[in-house]
Amino acid sequence: MEIQFLGTSSGTPTRSRNMTAAAVRSSGAKHWSLVDCAEGTQYRLQRAGLSPVSLRAIFITHLHGDHCYGLPGLLATAGMLNRSEALTIVAPAPLRPMIECIMAATQLELPYPLAWVAIEDLSHADVLPDLRVRATRLSHRIDCWAYSFTEAVVERHLDTGRLRAGGIASGPVWGEIQRGRNVVLPDGRELTAEDYLAPPRKPRKVIIGGDNDTPSLLADEARDADVLVHEATYTEEIRQKVGPGPQHSSAALVARFAQEAGVRNLVLTHFSPRYQDRPGNGSLSLDDIEKEAREHYQGMLALARDLDRYELGKDGVLRLAGQ
C-alpha cells in the first residue's frame, strides 16, 4: 500500500506546504483514491504524476476549507481531460448541495457521473475493489471523520511441504491450487485447495484521520492498524495557549495514543504554519513537534512533507519511497 502526501499544512498554505490532501492506493494498482482536497491540490497532483482520470474515489473528512475547497476545480479538470468513468465521493452530507450549487452557478457540466456516498452508508457500499473502507467519527468543531483502508484480498502461498508429502508433484496442479481451485488428480483423489495453502498474512491497514482533538476515539480501529496518519497541529505548549476552541491535537496527545494503541507506524501532518521547516532565530519549527512526539512514542515516527510517498510493506513496515 502507498500513501503520498499532497498537502501537510493546516489553515493556510506556506511556501513549502500546501493544505491537506493525501493519495492512497494499493501497490501496483492503476487507480488511486484521494483523502481531502484542499485548494491547490491539483498542482501537487501534477508534481506527483497522479491523473484525475485514474482517480477512483474521493474521501472528504470534513467541510472546513483547508480540506475541501479544491474539489470543484479538480472535478472540472477531470472533465476537461475527457474522463468518462463515474467518480465516487464519500463525504459529510452537506458537501453534495455545496458542490451542486457551485456547478449550477458556474454552469459546470461534467462528462462523467458523480456517485455520492453518505458516510453513514459507507459500510454497505463497495467503493473500492481492492480496499475495504470504514469511517470513524472524530471530535472537531464540525462533523469530522477518519477513514480506515484495509486490504480486501490477501494473497495465499502454497504449502509446498504438504504437497510434496502427499506425493503431489510440482506442475499445473500446483498452479490450480495457488488460484484457489479444487483439483481432481488422475488417480481419483480430490484435493481441496484450502488444505494446501498456507495461512494468509495479516491484511495491511492504514488510518487517515481528519481534524481531531481526541485521538482515543480511534482506539477500536487502531488495534489492528499498521499506520496511523493523524494531525498534530501544535505542540502541547501551544495547544494550551491557543485553548480548546480550535479542537486540534498536539504531537504529545497523538504520540501517547499511538504508543498505548500499539500502532507500529505514526505519521504526523496538518502542521500550523507557525512551525517553520527549519529552526532559526528562536522561532518554532517542526523539530519541536518531532521532539515532543518522540518523547512519547517509540515506533516508526515520520513528519509528513508535501510529495513524500510512503510504502507499507507486507511486513508491516512503513518506508519512505526511494530510501
C-alpha atoms as a PDB file:
ATOM      1  CA  MET A   1       0.000   0.000   0.000  1.00  0.00           C
ATOM      2  CA  GLU A   2       1.130   3.543  -0.734  1.00  0.00           C
ATOM      3  CA  ILE A   3       0.383   6.941   0.806  1.00  0.00           C
ATOM      4  CA  GLN A   4       1.525  10.147  -0.874  1.00  0.00           C
ATOM      5  CA  PHE A   5       1.094  13.464   0.887  1.00  0.00           C
ATOM      6  CA  LEU A   6      -0.121  16.285  -1.336  1.00  0.00           C
ATOM      7  CA  GLY A   7      -0.529  18.871   1.407  1.00  0.00           C
ATOM      8  CA  THR A   8       0.591  18.966   5.039  1.00  0.00           C
ATOM      9  CA  SER A   9      -0.244  22.470   6.288  1.00  0.00           C
ATOM     10  CA  SER A  10      -3.274  23.497   8.332  1.00  0.00           C
ATOM     11  CA  GLY A  11      -5.477  26.517   7.706  1.00  0.00           C
ATOM     12  CA  THR A  12      -3.303  28.287   5.151  1.00  0.00           C
ATOM     13  CA  PRO A  13      -0.509  27.195   2.811  1.00  0.00           C
ATOM     14  CA  THR A  14       3.147  28.057   3.323  1.00  0.00           C
ATOM     15  CA  ARG A  15       5.930  28.400   0.773  1.00  0.00           C
ATOM     16  CA  SER A  16       6.774  24.727   1.101  1.00  0.00           C
ATOM     17  CA  ARG A  17       3.497  23.156   2.244  1.00  0.00           C
ATOM     18  CA  ASN A  18       0.084  23.088   0.649  1.00  0.00           C
ATOM     19  CA  MET A  19      -3.065  22.397   2.630  1.00  0.00           C
ATOM     20  CA  THR A  20      -4.471  18.965   3.352  1.00  0.00           C
ATOM     21  CA  ALA A  21      -4.703  16.171   0.789  1.00  0.00           C
ATOM     22  CA  ALA A  22      -3.287  12.653   0.509  1.00  0.00           C
ATOM     23  CA  ALA A  23      -3.347   9.954  -2.156  1.00  0.00           C
ATOM     24  CA  VAL A  24      -3.851   6.278  -1.255  1.00  0.00           C
ATOM     25  CA  ARG A  25      -3.531   3.205  -3.440  1.00  0.00           C
ATOM     26  CA  SER A  26      -2.700  -0.466  -3.364  1.00  0.00           C
ATOM     27  CA  SER A  27       0.792  -1.306  -4.541  1.00  0.00           C
ATOM     28  CA  GLY A  28       0.790  -1.706  -8.305  1.00  0.00           C
ATOM     29  CA  ALA A  29      -2.807  -0.550  -8.746  1.00  0.00           C
ATOM     30  CA  LYS A  30      -3.571   1.716 -11.693  1.00  0.00           C
ATOM     31  CA  HIS A  31      -6.320   3.567  -9.842  1.00  0.00           C
ATOM     32  CA  TRP A  32      -5.882   5.661  -6.713  1.00  0.00           C
ATOM     33  CA  SER A  33      -8.000   7.473  -4.127  1.00  0.00           C
ATOM     34  CA  LEU A  34      -7.840  10.927  -2.599  1.00  0.00           C
ATOM     35  CA  VAL A  35      -8.409  11.821   1.051  1.00  0.00           C
ATOM     36  CA  ASP A  36      -9.361  15.505   1.318  1.00  0.00           C
ATOM     37  CA  CYS A  37      -8.842  18.055  -1.413  1.00  0.00           C
ATOM     38  CA  ALA A  38      -7.672  21.485  -0.313  1.00  0.00           C
ATOM     39  CA  GLU A  39      -7.236  24.438  -2.610  1.00  0.00           C
ATOM     40  CA  GLY A  40      -4.159  23.906  -4.775  1.00  0.00           C
ATOM     41  CA  THR A  41      -4.287  20.110  -4.682  1.00  0.00           C
ATOM     42  CA  GLN A  42      -4.215  19.998  -8.490  1.00  0.00           C
ATOM     43  CA  TYR A  43      -0.718  21.482  -8.552  1.00  0.00           C
ATOM     44  CA  ARG A  44       0.512  18.757  -6.239  1.00  0.00           C
ATOM     45  CA  LEU A  45      -1.139  16.082  -8.386  1.00  0.00           C
ATOM     46  CA  GLN A  46       0.846  17.312 -11.365  1.00  0.00           C
ATOM     47  CA  ARG A  47       4.077  17.138  -9.374  1.00  0.00           C
ATOM     48  CA  ALA A  48       3.178  13.660  -8.123  1.00  0.00           C
ATOM     49  CA  GLY A  49       2.241  12.333 -11.564  1.00  0.00           C
ATOM     50  CA  LEU A  50      -1.293  11.423 -10.468  1.00  0.00           C
ATOM     51  CA  SER A  51      -4.034  11.815 -13.072  1.00  0.00           C
ATOM     52  CA  PRO A  52      -7.659  12.771 -12.266  1.00  0.00           C
ATOM     53  CA  VAL A  53      -8.664  10.298 -14.977  1.00  0.00           C
ATOM     54  CA  SER A  54      -7.452   7.301 -12.912  1.00  0.00           C
ATOM     55  CA  LEU A  55      -8.851   8.685  -9.650  1.00  0.00           C
ATOM     56  CA  ARG A  56     -11.353   6.117  -8.324  1.00  0.00           C
ATOM     57  CA  ALA A  57     -12.813   7.801  -5.242  1.00  0.00           C
ATOM     58  CA  ILE A  58     -12.546  10.923  -3.073  1.00  0.00           C
ATOM     59  CA  PHE A  59     -12.984  10.783   0.696  1.00  0.00           C
ATOM     60  CA  ILE A  60     -13.607  14.098   2.467  1.00  0.00           C
ATOM     61  CA  THR A  61     -13.057  14.120   6.240  1.00  0.00           C
ATOM     62  CA  HIS A  62     -14.941  17.367   6.918  1.00  0.00           C
ATOM     63  CA  LEU A  63     -16.044  20.585   5.279  1.00  0.00           C
ATOM     64  CA  HIS A  64     -13.509  23.125   6.520  1.00  0.00           C
ATOM     65  CA  GLY A  65     -11.971  24.909   3.548  1.00  0.00           C
ATOM     66  CA  ASP A  66      -8.444  23.614   4.024  1.00  0.00           C
ATOM     67  CA  HIS A  67      -9.822  20.125   3.397  1.00  0.00           C
ATOM     68  CA  CYS A  68     -12.301  20.567   0.533  1.00  0.00           C
ATOM     69  CA  TYR A  69     -12.060  23.910  -1.318  1.00  0.00           C
ATOM     70  CA  GLY A  70     -10.026  22.329  -4.115  1.00  0.00           C
ATOM     71  CA  LEU A  71     -12.747  19.874  -5.059  1.00  0.00           C
ATOM     72  CA  PRO A  72     -14.741  21.920  -7.643  1.00  0.00           C
ATOM     73  CA  GLY A  73     -11.625  22.695  -9.657  1.00  0.00           C
ATOM     74  CA  LEU A  74     -10.434  19.102  -9.581  1.00  0.00           C
ATOM     75  CA  LEU A  75     -13.816  17.842 -10.817  1.00  0.00           C
ATOM     76  CA  ALA A  76     -13.742  20.370 -13.646  1.00  0.00           C
ATOM     77  CA  THR A  77     -10.213  19.408 -14.661  1.00  0.00           C
ATOM     78  CA  ALA A  78     -11.143  15.728 -14.755  1.00  0.00           C
ATOM     79  CA  GLY A  79     -13.928  16.647 -17.163  1.00  0.00           C
ATOM     80  CA  MET A  80     -11.633  18.658 -19.404  1.00  0.00           C
ATOM     81  CA  LEU A  81      -9.343  15.616 -19.548  1.00  0.00           C
ATOM     82  CA  ASN A  82     -12.307  13.680 -21.005  1.00  0.00           C
ATOM     83  CA  ARG A  83     -12.878  11.474 -18.016  1.00  0.00           C
ATOM     84  CA  SER A  84     -15.919   9.256 -18.604  1.00  0.00           C
ATOM     85  CA  GLU A  85     -15.894   6.808 -15.676  1.00  0.00           C
ATOM     86  CA  ALA A  86     -18.058   7.586 -12.655  1.00  0.00           C
ATOM     87  CA  LEU A  87     -16.259   9.172  -9.705  1.00  0.00           C
ATOM     88  CA  THR A  88     -17.314   8.232  -6.173  1.00  0.00           C
ATOM     89  CA  ILE A  89     -17.322  10.914  -3.474  1.00  0.00           C
ATOM     90  CA  VAL A  90     -17.668   9.884   0.170  1.00  0.00           C
ATOM     91  CA  ALA A  91     -18.292  12.897   2.392  1.00  0.00           C
ATOM     92  CA  PRO A  92     -20.459  14.537   5.034  1.00  0.00           C
ATOM     93  CA  ALA A  93     -23.949  15.144   3.619  1.00  0.00           C
ATOM     94  CA  PRO A  94     -23.711  18.961   3.219  1.00  0.00           C
ATOM     95  CA  LEU A  95     -20.919  18.633   0.640  1.00  0.00           C
ATOM     96  CA  ARG A  96     -23.245  17.441  -2.117  1.00  0.00           C
ATOM     97  CA  PRO A  97     -25.542  20.500  -2.193  1.00  0.00           C
ATOM     98  CA  MET A  98     -22.466  22.732  -1.876  1.00  0.00           C
ATOM     99  CA  ILE A  99     -20.844  21.205  -4.973  1.00  0.00           C
ATOM    100  CA  GLU A 100     -24.126  21.128  -6.898  1.00  0.00           C
ATOM    101  CA  CYS A 101     -24.662  24.816  -6.109  1.00  0.00           C
ATOM    102  CA  ILE A 102     -21.192  25.700  -7.405  1.00  0.00           C
ATOM    103  CA  MET A 103     -21.751  23.630 -10.527  1.00  0.00           C
ATOM    104  CA  ALA A 104     -25.082  25.350 -11.197  1.00  0.00           C
ATOM    105  CA  ALA A 105     -23.725  28.869 -10.557  1.00  0.00           C
ATOM    106  CA  THR A 106     -20.701  28.327 -12.802  1.00  0.00           C
ATOM    107  CA  GLN A 107     -22.531  26.237 -15.422  1.00  0.00           C
ATOM    108  CA  LEU A 108     -20.125  23.373 -14.835  1.00  0.00           C
ATOM    109  CA  GLU A 109     -21.280  20.260 -16.687  1.00  0.00           C
ATOM    110  CA  LEU A 110     -19.269  17.093 -16.195  1.00  0.00           C
ATOM    111  CA  PRO A 111     -18.938  14.410 -18.887  1.00  0.00           C
ATOM    112  CA  TYR A 112     -18.926  11.738 -16.180  1.00  0.00           C
ATOM    113  CA  PRO A 113     -21.342  10.942 -13.327  1.00  0.00           C
ATOM    114  CA  LEU A 114     -20.677  11.595  -9.657  1.00  0.00           C
ATOM    115  CA  ALA A 115     -21.621   8.765  -7.316  1.00  0.00           C
ATOM    116  CA  TRP A 116     -22.295  10.253  -3.876  1.00  0.00           C
ATOM    117  CA  VAL A 117     -21.980   8.016  -0.816  1.00  0.00           C
ATOM    118  CA  ALA A 118     -23.118   9.297   2.561  1.00  0.00           C
ATOM    119  CA  ILE A 119     -20.701   8.423   5.329  1.00  0.00           C
ATOM    120  CA  GLU A 120     -23.490   6.647   7.204  1.00  0.00           C
ATOM    121  CA  ASP A 121     -23.924   4.331   4.198  1.00  0.00           C
ATOM    122  CA  LEU A 122     -20.221   3.610   3.688  1.00  0.00           C
ATOM    123  CA  SER A 123     -20.285   0.263   5.486  1.00  0.00           C
ATOM    124  CA  HIS A 124     -22.807  -1.019   2.931  1.00  0.00           C
ATOM    125  CA  ALA A 125     -21.029   0.360  -0.149  1.00  0.00           C
ATOM    126  CA  ASP A 126     -18.312  -1.293  -2.232  1.00  0.00           C
ATOM    127  CA  VAL A 127     -16.397   1.863  -3.036  1.00  0.00           C
ATOM    128  CA  LEU A 128     -13.028   0.331  -3.905  1.00  0.00           C
ATOM    129  CA  PRO A 129     -12.360  -3.084  -5.449  1.00  0.00           C
ATOM    130  CA  ASP A 130      -9.135  -3.681  -3.542  1.00  0.00           C
ATOM    131  CA  LEU A 131      -9.634  -1.940  -0.200  1.00  0.00           C
ATOM    132  CA  ARG A 132     -12.324  -2.085   2.469  1.00  0.00           C
ATOM    133  CA  VAL A 133     -13.071   1.373   3.829  1.00  0.00           C
ATOM    134  CA  ARG A 134     -14.552   2.293   7.195  1.00  0.00           C
ATOM    135  CA  ALA A 135     -15.299   5.693   8.718  1.00  0.00           C
ATOM    136  CA  THR A 136     -14.865   6.670  12.378  1.00  0.00           C
ATOM    137  CA  ARG A 137     -16.381   9.827  13.832  1.00  0.00           C
ATOM    138  CA  LEU A 138     -13.873  12.240  15.373  1.00  0.00           C
ATOM    139  CA  SER A 139     -14.095  15.294  17.638  1.00  0.00           C
ATOM    140  CA  HIS A 140     -13.879  18.645  15.876  1.00  0.00           C
ATOM    141  CA  ARG A 141     -15.846  21.869  15.509  1.00  0.00           C
ATOM    142  CA  ILE A 142     -17.961  20.350  12.747  1.00  0.00           C
ATOM    143  CA  ASP A 143     -18.690  16.742  11.802  1.00  0.00           C
ATOM    144  CA  CYS A 144     -15.365  15.127  11.033  1.00  0.00           C
ATOM    145  CA  TRP A 145     -14.242  11.593  10.247  1.00  0.00           C
ATOM    146  CA  ALA A 146     -11.263   9.310   9.863  1.00  0.00           C
ATOM    147  CA  TYR A 147     -11.063   6.724   7.092  1.00  0.00           C
ATOM    148  CA  SER A 148      -9.546   3.268   7.522  1.00  0.00           C
ATOM    149  CA  PHE A 149      -8.278   1.440   4.447  1.00  0.00           C
ATOM    150  CA  THR A 150      -7.760  -2.331   4.747  1.00  0.00           C
ATOM    151  CA  GLU A 151      -6.663  -4.767   2.060  1.00  0.00           C
ATOM    152  CA  ALA A 152      -9.713  -6.651   0.793  1.00  0.00           C
ATOM    153  CA  VAL A 153      -7.766  -9.616  -0.581  1.00  0.00           C
ATOM    154  CA  VAL A 154      -4.529 -11.112   0.714  1.00  0.00           C
ATOM    155  CA  GLU A 155      -2.548 -13.474  -1.483  1.00  0.00           C
ATOM    156  CA  ARG A 156      -2.057 -17.058  -0.316  1.00  0.00           C
ATOM    157  CA  HIS A 157       1.114 -19.124  -0.708  1.00  0.00           C
ATOM    158  CA  LEU A 158       1.329 -22.830  -1.384  1.00  0.00           C
ATOM    159  CA  ASP A 159       2.157 -25.188   1.462  1.00  0.00           C
ATOM    160  CA  THR A 160       4.805 -26.931  -0.661  1.00  0.00           C
ATOM    161  CA  GLY A 161       5.848 -29.228   2.155  1.00  0.00           C
ATOM    162  CA  ARG A 162       2.384 -30.716   2.466  1.00  0.00           C
ATOM    163  CA  LEU A 163       2.036 -31.009  -1.306  1.00  0.00           C
ATOM    164  CA  ARG A 164       5.280 -32.979  -1.567  1.00  0.00           C
ATOM    165  CA  ALA A 165       4.389 -35.100   1.447  1.00  0.00           C
ATOM    166  CA  GLY A 166       1.187 -36.048  -0.343  1.00  0.00           C
ATOM    167  CA  GLY A 167       3.121 -37.093  -3.415  1.00  0.00           C
ATOM    168  CA  ILE A 168       1.784 -34.214  -5.491  1.00  0.00           C
ATOM    169  CA  ALA A 169       4.495 -33.238  -7.935  1.00  0.00           C
ATOM    170  CA  SER A 170       5.153 -29.657  -8.930  1.00  0.00           C
ATOM    171  CA  GLY A 171       3.276 -28.723 -12.077  1.00  0.00           C
ATOM    172  CA  PRO A 172      -0.089 -27.477 -13.341  1.00  0.00           C
ATOM    173  CA  VAL A 173      -1.874 -28.890 -10.282  1.00  0.00           C
ATOM    174  CA  TRP A 174       0.101 -26.551  -8.042  1.00  0.00           C
ATOM    175  CA  GLY A 175      -0.928 -23.634 -10.218  1.00  0.00           C
ATOM    176  CA  GLU A 176      -4.605 -24.527  -9.914  1.00  0.00           C
ATOM    177  CA  ILE A 177      -4.356 -24.800  -6.136  1.00  0.00           C
ATOM    178  CA  GLN A 178      -2.487 -21.484  -5.991  1.00  0.00           C
ATOM    179  CA  ARG A 179      -5.515 -19.933  -7.714  1.00  0.00           C
ATOM    180  CA  GLY A 180      -7.782 -21.404  -5.039  1.00  0.00           C
ATOM    181  CA  ARG A 181      -9.287 -24.068  -7.299  1.00  0.00           C
ATOM    182  CA  ASN A 182     -10.006 -27.600  -6.121  1.00  0.00           C
ATOM    183  CA  VAL A 183      -8.414 -30.353  -8.204  1.00  0.00           C
ATOM    184  CA  VAL A 184      -9.123 -33.995  -9.065  1.00  0.00           C
ATOM    185  CA  LEU A 185      -5.926 -35.986  -9.677  1.00  0.00           C
ATOM    186  CA  PRO A 186      -5.607 -38.724 -12.324  1.00  0.00           C
ATOM    187  CA  ASP A 187      -5.697 -41.324  -9.529  1.00  0.00           C
ATOM    188  CA  GLY A 188      -9.119 -40.027  -8.449  1.00  0.00           C
ATOM    189  CA  ARG A 189      -8.006 -38.151  -5.351  1.00  0.00           C
ATOM    190  CA  GLU A 190      -9.863 -34.899  -4.755  1.00  0.00           C
ATOM    191  CA  LEU A 191      -7.746 -32.043  -3.442  1.00  0.00           C
ATOM    192  CA  THR A 192      -9.312 -29.097  -1.648  1.00  0.00           C
ATOM    193  CA  ALA A 193      -7.225 -26.013  -2.376  1.00  0.00           C
ATOM    194  CA  GLU A 194      -7.688 -24.601   1.117  1.00  0.00           C
ATOM    195  CA  ASP A 195      -5.926 -27.645   2.584  1.00  0.00           C
ATOM    196  CA  TYR A 196      -2.732 -26.877   0.652  1.00  0.00           C
ATOM    197  CA  LEU A 197      -2.494 -23.120   1.142  1.00  0.00           C
ATOM    198  CA  ALA A 198      -0.501 -21.556   3.959  1.00  0.00           C
ATOM    199  CA  PRO A 199      -2.365 -19.238   6.364  1.00  0.00           C
ATOM    200  CA  PRO A 200      -2.685 -15.717   4.916  1.00  0.00           C
ATOM    201  CA  ARG A 201      -0.702 -12.849   6.327  1.00  0.00           C
ATOM    202  CA  LYS A 202      -2.473 -10.048   8.181  1.00  0.00           C
ATOM    203  CA  PRO A 203      -4.190  -7.597   5.806  1.00  0.00           C
ATOM    204  CA  ARG A 204      -2.458  -4.231   5.804  1.00  0.00           C
ATOM    205  CA  LYS A 205      -4.455  -1.363   7.299  1.00  0.00           C
ATOM    206  CA  VAL A 206      -3.961   2.401   7.193  1.00  0.00           C
ATOM    207  CA  ILE A 207      -5.946   5.042   9.098  1.00  0.00           C
ATOM    208  CA  ILE A 208      -6.029   8.611   7.792  1.00  0.00           C
ATOM    209  CA  GLY A 209      -7.754  10.990  10.163  1.00  0.00           C
ATOM    210  CA  GLY A 210      -9.260  14.408   9.753  1.00  0.00           C
ATOM    211  CA  ASP A 211      -9.019  17.118  12.403  1.00  0.00           C
ATOM    212  CA  ASN A 212      -9.487  15.694  15.877  1.00  0.00           C
ATOM    213  CA  ASP A 213      -8.767  16.710  19.462  1.00  0.00           C
ATOM    214  CA  THR A 214      -9.483  13.250  20.921  1.00  0.00           C
ATOM    215  CA  PRO A 215      -7.219  10.574  19.381  1.00  0.00           C
ATOM    216  CA  SER A 216      -8.685   7.893  21.669  1.00  0.00           C
ATOM    217  CA  LEU A 217     -11.819   7.892  19.510  1.00  0.00           C
ATOM    218  CA  LEU A 218      -9.727   5.778  17.125  1.00  0.00           C
ATOM    219  CA  ALA A 219      -8.906   3.138  19.755  1.00  0.00           C
ATOM    220  CA  ASP A 220     -11.040   0.368  18.234  1.00  0.00           C
ATOM    221  CA  GLU A 221      -9.798   0.980  14.690  1.00  0.00           C
ATOM    222  CA  ALA A 222      -6.172   1.294  15.778  1.00  0.00           C
ATOM    223  CA  ARG A 223      -5.975  -2.143  17.397  1.00  0.00           C
ATOM    224  CA  ASP A 224      -5.121  -3.839  14.102  1.00  0.00           C
ATOM    225  CA  ALA A 225      -3.805  -0.838  12.166  1.00  0.00           C
ATOM    226  CA  ASP A 226      -0.304  -0.736  10.719  1.00  0.00           C
ATOM    227  CA  VAL A 227      -0.220   3.022  10.106  1.00  0.00           C
ATOM    228  CA  LEU A 228      -1.912   5.990  11.727  1.00  0.00           C
ATOM    229  CA  VAL A 229      -1.847   9.312   9.878  1.00  0.00           C
ATOM    230  CA  HIS A 230      -3.061  12.000  12.277  1.00  0.00           C
ATOM    231  CA  GLU A 231      -2.956  15.741  12.606  1.00  0.00           C
ATOM    232  CA  ALA A 232      -0.510  17.284  15.069  1.00  0.00           C
ATOM    233  CA  THR A 233      -1.327  20.932  14.541  1.00  0.00           C
ATOM    234  CA  TYR A 234       0.540  22.113  17.646  1.00  0.00           C
ATOM    235  CA  THR A 235       2.975  21.180  20.344  1.00  0.00           C
ATOM    236  CA  GLU A 236       1.264  20.771  23.703  1.00  0.00           C
ATOM    237  CA  GLU A 237       2.523  24.129  24.999  1.00  0.00           C
ATOM    238  CA  ILE A 238       0.989  25.993  22.061  1.00  0.00           C
ATOM    239  CA  ARG A 239      -2.208  23.947  22.240  1.00  0.00           C
ATOM    240  CA  GLN A 240      -2.651  25.061  25.840  1.00  0.00           C
ATOM    241  CA  LYS A 241      -2.026  28.692  24.890  1.00  0.00           C
ATOM    242  CA  VAL A 242      -4.463  28.574  21.992  1.00  0.00           C
ATOM    243  CA  GLY A 243      -7.134  26.951  24.111  1.00  0.00           C
ATOM    244  CA  PRO A 244      -9.692  24.233  23.301  1.00  0.00           C
ATOM    245  CA  GLY A 245     -11.647  26.243  20.711  1.00  0.00           C
ATOM    246  CA  PRO A 246      -9.914  25.031  17.526  1.00  0.00           C
ATOM    247  CA  GLN A 247     -10.243  21.380  18.640  1.00  0.00           C
ATOM    248  CA  HIS A 248      -6.923  20.185  17.287  1.00  0.00           C
ATOM    249  CA  SER A 249      -4.367  17.718  18.650  1.00  0.00           C
ATOM    250  CA  SER A 250      -0.824  18.221  19.820  1.00  0.00           C
ATOM    251  CA  ALA A 251       2.109  15.974  18.981  1.00  0.00           C
ATOM    252  CA  ALA A 252       2.102  14.709  22.566  1.00  0.00           C
ATOM    253  CA  LEU A 253      -1.582  13.757  22.509  1.00  0.00           C
ATOM    254  CA  VAL A 254      -1.274  11.767  19.295  1.00  0.00           C
ATOM    255  CA  ALA A 255       2.051  10.139  20.184  1.00  0.00           C
ATOM    256  CA  ARG A 256       0.807   8.952  23.586  1.00  0.00           C
ATOM    257  CA  PHE A 257      -2.271   7.446  21.987  1.00  0.00           C
ATOM    258  CA  ALA A 258      -0.305   5.689  19.232  1.00  0.00           C
ATOM    259  CA  GLN A 259       2.080   4.227  21.823  1.00  0.00           C
ATOM    260  CA  GLU A 260      -0.761   2.961  24.009  1.00  0.00           C
ATOM    261  CA  ALA A 261      -2.611   1.541  20.991  1.00  0.00           C
ATOM    262  CA  GLY A 262       0.493  -0.274  19.772  1.00  0.00           C
ATOM    263  CA  VAL A 263       0.467   1.281  16.301  1.00  0.00           C
ATOM    264  CA  ARG A 264       3.803   0.456  14.641  1.00  0.00           C
ATOM    265  CA  ASN A 265       3.948   3.445  12.293  1.00  0.00           C
ATOM    266  CA  LEU A 266       2.836   7.011  13.061  1.00  0.00           C
ATOM    267  CA  VAL A 267       2.835   9.839  10.537  1.00  0.00           C
ATOM    268  CA  LEU A 268       2.066  13.354  11.772  1.00  0.00           C
ATOM    269  CA  THR A 269       0.702  16.037   9.443  1.00  0.00           C
ATOM    270  CA  HIS A 270      -1.522  19.174   9.282  1.00  0.00           C
ATOM    271  CA  PHE A 271       1.016  21.447  10.957  1.00  0.00           C
ATOM    272  CA  SER A 272       0.235  25.006  11.964  1.00  0.00           C
ATOM    273  CA  PRO A 273       2.033  27.500   9.682  1.00  0.00           C
ATOM    274  CA  ARG A 274       3.684  28.962  12.790  1.00  0.00           C
ATOM    275  CA  TYR A 275       6.077  25.969  12.730  1.00  0.00           C
ATOM    276  CA  GLN A 276       8.916  26.606  10.303  1.00  0.00           C
ATOM    277  CA  ASP A 277      10.526  23.800   8.351  1.00  0.00           C
ATOM    278  CA  ARG A 278      13.908  24.588   9.913  1.00  0.00           C
ATOM    279  CA  PRO A 279      14.723  26.103  13.302  1.00  0.00           C
ATOM    280  CA  GLY A 280      16.159  29.583  13.361  1.00  0.00           C
ATOM    281  CA  ASN A 281      16.153  32.840  15.322  1.00  0.00           C
ATOM    282  CA  GLY A 282      14.245  31.266  18.159  1.00  0.00           C
ATOM    283  CA  SER A 283      11.168  30.569  16.007  1.00  0.00           C
ATOM    284  CA  LEU A 284       9.030  27.477  16.358  1.00  0.00           C
ATOM    285  CA  SER A 285       9.909  24.659  13.980  1.00  0.00           C
ATOM    286  CA  LEU A 286       8.823  21.169  13.037  1.00  0.00           C
ATOM    287  CA  ASP A 287      11.761  19.953  15.118  1.00  0.00           C
ATOM    288  CA  ASP A 288       9.731  20.966  18.178  1.00  0.00           C
ATOM    289  CA  ILE A 289       6.827  18.779  17.060  1.00  0.00           C
ATOM    290  CA  GLU A 290       9.111  15.848  16.308  1.00  0.00           C
ATOM    291  CA  LYS A 291      10.957  16.132  19.620  1.00  0.00           C
ATOM    292  CA  GLU A 292       7.701  16.205  21.574  1.00  0.00           C
ATOM    293  CA  ALA A 293       6.304  13.188  19.711  1.00  0.00           C
ATOM    294  CA  ARG A 294       9.463  11.134  20.260  1.00  0.00           C
ATOM    295  CA  GLU A 295       9.207  11.687  23.997  1.00  0.00           C
ATOM    296  CA  HIS A 296       6.003   9.637  23.990  1.00  0.00           C
ATOM    297  CA  TYR A 297       6.282   7.230  21.057  1.00  0.00           C
ATOM    298  CA  GLN A 298       8.845   4.513  20.353  1.00  0.00           C
ATOM    299  CA  GLY A 299       7.603   3.246  16.987  1.00  0.00           C
ATOM    300  CA  MET A 300       8.427   4.413  13.460  1.00  0.00           C
ATOM    301  CA  LEU A 301       7.689   8.152  13.506  1.00  0.00           C
ATOM    302  CA  ALA A 302       7.561  10.465  10.497  1.00  0.00           C
ATOM    303  CA  LEU A 303       6.557  14.066   9.934  1.00  0.00           C
ATOM    304  CA  ALA A 304       4.924  14.291   6.537  1.00  0.00           C
ATOM    305  CA  ARG A 305       6.240  16.649   3.880  1.00  0.00           C
ATOM    306  CA  ASP A 306       4.467  17.578   0.677  1.00  0.00           C
ATOM    307  CA  LEU A 307       5.025  14.979  -2.059  1.00  0.00           C
ATOM    308  CA  ASP A 308       6.563  12.428   0.332  1.00  0.00           C
ATOM    309  CA  ARG A 309       5.463   8.952  -0.754  1.00  0.00           C
ATOM    310  CA  TYR A 310       5.444   6.124   1.770  1.00  0.00           C
ATOM    311  CA  GLU A 311       5.202   2.412   1.044  1.00  0.00           C
ATOM    312  CA  LEU A 312       3.748  -0.014   3.571  1.00  0.00           C
ATOM    313  CA  GLY A 313       5.402  -3.368   3.039  1.00  0.00           C
ATOM    314  CA  LYS A 314       3.841  -6.764   3.576  1.00  0.00           C
ATOM    315  CA  ASP A 315       5.960  -6.933   6.725  1.00  0.00           C
ATOM    316  CA  GLY A 316       4.010  -4.009   8.193  1.00  0.00           C
ATOM    317  CA  VAL A 317       6.970  -1.620   7.994  1.00  0.00           C
ATOM    318  CA  LEU A 318       6.385   1.850   6.551  1.00  0.00           C
ATOM    319  CA  ARG A 319       9.225   3.178   4.414  1.00  0.00           C
ATOM    320  CA  LEU A 320       9.799   6.455   2.635  1.00  0.00           C
ATOM    321  CA  ALA A 321       9.937   5.626  -1.084  1.00  0.00           C
ATOM    322  CA  GLY A 322      13.398   5.866  -2.533  1.00  0.00           C
ATOM    323  CA  GLN A 323      15.180   5.121   0.704  1.00  0.00           C
END
